[in-house]
C-alpha atoms as a PDB file:
ATOM      1  CA  MET A   1       0.642 -35.161 -33.883  1.00  0.00           C
ATOM      2  CA  ARG A   2       0.712 -31.363 -34.024  1.00  0.00           C
ATOM      3  CA  THR A   3       0.055 -29.171 -31.072  1.00  0.00           C
ATOM      4  CA  ARG A   4      -1.137 -25.653 -31.478  1.00  0.00           C
ATOM      5  CA  THR A   5       0.931 -22.997 -29.826  1.00  0.00           C
ATOM      6  CA  ARG A   6      -0.371 -19.563 -29.215  1.00  0.00           C
ATOM      7  CA  ALA A   7       1.646 -16.617 -30.389  1.00  0.00           C
ATOM      8  CA  ALA A   8       2.678 -13.937 -27.927  1.00  0.00           C
ATOM      9  CA  THR A   9      -0.032 -11.425 -27.189  1.00  0.00           C
ATOM     10  CA  THR A  10       0.128  -8.028 -28.788  1.00  0.00           C
ATOM     11  CA  PRO A  11      -1.187  -4.748 -27.362  1.00  0.00           C
ATOM     12  CA  GLY A  12      -4.275  -4.976 -29.590  1.00  0.00           C
ATOM     13  CA  ASP A  13      -5.070  -8.498 -28.404  1.00  0.00           C
ATOM     14  CA  PRO A  14      -7.910  -8.692 -25.836  1.00  0.00           C
ATOM     15  CA  ASP A  15      -5.785 -11.090 -23.725  1.00  0.00           C
ATOM     16  CA  HIS A  16      -2.974  -8.548 -23.427  1.00  0.00           C
ATOM     17  CA  ILE A  17      -2.686  -6.836 -20.043  1.00  0.00           C
ATOM     18  CA  ASN A  18      -0.992  -3.473 -20.001  1.00  0.00           C
ATOM     19  CA  PRO A  19       2.238  -3.540 -17.924  1.00  0.00           C
ATOM     20  CA  THR A  20       0.999  -0.472 -16.046  1.00  0.00           C
ATOM     21  CA  VAL A  21      -1.824  -2.593 -14.647  1.00  0.00           C
ATOM     22  CA  TRP A  22       0.692  -5.105 -13.296  1.00  0.00           C
ATOM     23  CA  VAL A  23       2.776  -2.352 -11.694  1.00  0.00           C
ATOM     24  CA  THR A  24      -0.330  -0.819 -10.143  1.00  0.00           C
ATOM     25  CA  ALA A  25      -1.543  -4.163  -8.801  1.00  0.00           C
ATOM     26  CA  PHE A  26       1.894  -4.933  -7.362  1.00  0.00           C
ATOM     27  CA  THR A  27       2.056  -1.516  -5.690  1.00  0.00           C
ATOM     28  CA  ILE A  28      -1.381  -1.941  -4.129  1.00  0.00           C
ATOM     29  CA  ILE A  29      -0.515  -5.405  -2.830  1.00  0.00           C
ATOM     30  CA  VAL A  30       2.786  -4.241  -1.336  1.00  0.00           C
ATOM     31  CA  GLY A  31       1.040  -1.229   0.228  1.00  0.00           C
ATOM     32  CA  ALA A  32      -1.623  -3.433   1.787  1.00  0.00           C
ATOM     33  CA  MET A  33       1.046  -5.728   3.195  1.00  0.00           C
ATOM     34  CA  ALA A  34       2.921  -2.729   4.611  1.00  0.00           C
ATOM     35  CA  VAL A  35      -0.220  -1.556   6.411  1.00  0.00           C
ATOM     36  CA  VAL A  36      -0.728  -4.997   7.962  1.00  0.00           C
ATOM     37  CA  PHE A  37       2.909  -5.218   9.053  1.00  0.00           C
ATOM     38  CA  ASP A  38       2.825  -1.692  10.465  1.00  0.00           C
ATOM     39  CA  ALA A  39      -0.362  -2.378  12.439  1.00  0.00           C
ATOM     40  CA  THR A  40       1.216  -5.587  13.757  1.00  0.00           C
ATOM     41  CA  ILE A  41       4.315  -3.726  14.899  1.00  0.00           C
ATOM     42  CA  VAL A  42       2.218  -1.168  16.769  1.00  0.00           C
ATOM     43  CA  SER A  43       0.149  -3.941  18.356  1.00  0.00           C
ATOM     44  CA  VAL A  44       3.256  -5.780  19.520  1.00  0.00           C
ATOM     45  CA  ALA A  45       4.683  -2.563  20.988  1.00  0.00           C
ATOM     46  CA  VAL A  46       1.595  -1.856  23.149  1.00  0.00           C
ATOM     47  CA  HIS A  47       3.082  -3.490  26.249  1.00  0.00           C
ATOM     48  CA  ASP A  48       6.352  -1.569  25.943  1.00  0.00           C
ATOM     49  CA  LEU A  49       4.465   1.685  25.353  1.00  0.00           C
ATOM     50  CA  THR A  50       2.372   1.219  28.474  1.00  0.00           C
ATOM     51  CA  THR A  51       5.402   0.535  30.664  1.00  0.00           C
ATOM     52  CA  ASP A  52       7.766   3.126  29.159  1.00  0.00           C
ATOM     53  CA  LEU A  53       5.212   5.955  29.016  1.00  0.00           C
ATOM     54  CA  HIS A  54       3.446   4.989  32.268  1.00  0.00           C
ATOM     55  CA  ALA A  55       0.136   5.183  30.440  1.00  0.00           C
ATOM     56  CA  SER A  56      -3.029   3.182  30.752  1.00  0.00           C
ATOM     57  CA  LEU A  57      -3.963   0.562  28.205  1.00  0.00           C
ATOM     58  CA  SER A  58      -6.918   2.641  26.994  1.00  0.00           C
ATOM     59  CA  THR A  59      -4.604   5.591  26.269  1.00  0.00           C
ATOM     60  CA  ILE A  60      -2.256   3.398  24.271  1.00  0.00           C
ATOM     61  CA  GLN A  61      -5.219   1.957  22.373  1.00  0.00           C
ATOM     62  CA  TRP A  62      -6.119   5.501  21.366  1.00  0.00           C
ATOM     63  CA  VAL A  63      -2.557   5.980  20.128  1.00  0.00           C
ATOM     64  CA  SER A  64      -2.858   2.812  18.046  1.00  0.00           C
ATOM     65  CA  THR A  65      -6.248   3.897  16.688  1.00  0.00           C
ATOM     66  CA  GLY A  66      -4.911   7.351  15.833  1.00  0.00           C
ATOM     67  CA  HIS A  67      -1.960   5.802  14.043  1.00  0.00           C
ATOM     68  CA  LEU A  68      -4.223   3.605  11.908  1.00  0.00           C
ATOM     69  CA  LEU A  69      -6.561   6.532  11.172  1.00  0.00           C
ATOM     70  CA  ALA A  70      -3.608   8.646  10.033  1.00  0.00           C
ATOM     71  CA  MET A  71      -2.569   5.850   7.684  1.00  0.00           C
ATOM     72  CA  PHE A  72      -6.167   5.519   6.497  1.00  0.00           C
ATOM     73  CA  VAL A  73      -6.142   9.203   5.531  1.00  0.00           C
ATOM     74  CA  MET A  74      -2.657   9.368   4.018  1.00  0.00           C
ATOM     75  CA  ILE A  75      -2.685   6.252   1.843  1.00  0.00           C
ATOM     76  CA  PRO A  76      -5.408   7.503  -0.560  1.00  0.00           C
ATOM     77  CA  VAL A  77      -3.923  11.016  -0.617  1.00  0.00           C
ATOM     78  CA  THR A  78      -0.378   9.961  -1.517  1.00  0.00           C
ATOM     79  CA  PRO A  79      -1.038   8.580  -5.045  1.00  0.00           C
ATOM     80  CA  GLY A  80      -3.023  11.701  -5.864  1.00  0.00           C
ATOM     81  CA  ARG A  81      -0.038  13.865  -4.950  1.00  0.00           C
ATOM     82  CA  ARG A  82       2.409  11.915  -7.091  1.00  0.00           C
ATOM     83  CA  PRO A  83       1.735  13.762 -10.379  1.00  0.00           C
ATOM     84  CA  HIS A  84       2.211  17.086  -8.602  1.00  0.00           C
ATOM     85  CA  LEU A  85       5.520  15.965  -7.134  1.00  0.00           C
ATOM     86  CA  VAL A  86       7.076  14.534 -10.307  1.00  0.00           C
ATOM     87  CA  ALA A  87       5.405  16.695 -12.968  1.00  0.00           C
ATOM     88  CA  ARG A  88       7.741  18.365 -15.400  1.00  0.00           C
ATOM     89  CA  PRO A  89       7.154  21.996 -16.294  1.00  0.00           C
ATOM     90  CA  TYR A  90       5.921  22.750 -19.793  1.00  0.00           C
ATOM     91  CA  GLY A  91       8.197  24.462 -22.210  1.00  0.00           C
END
């Protein structure tokens, strides 16, 4: 009995996925996990922030919200800046 084996995919094959897509997907997943971990760390630190800074809970909630908003703004901006930071001059 013969079994059919499929040859390795080539770049022209419709089943081939560009390695750049895998790197991009991995980066997005790791970034999303970092945001969740960072938000968790800030949430866990709320009690210590209220006692150490002698602030009310509502003030510390604003700090947490501001932190998440800053991340919300910076995460989409950072990949757009990458080509400007690593671009090589022509010539």
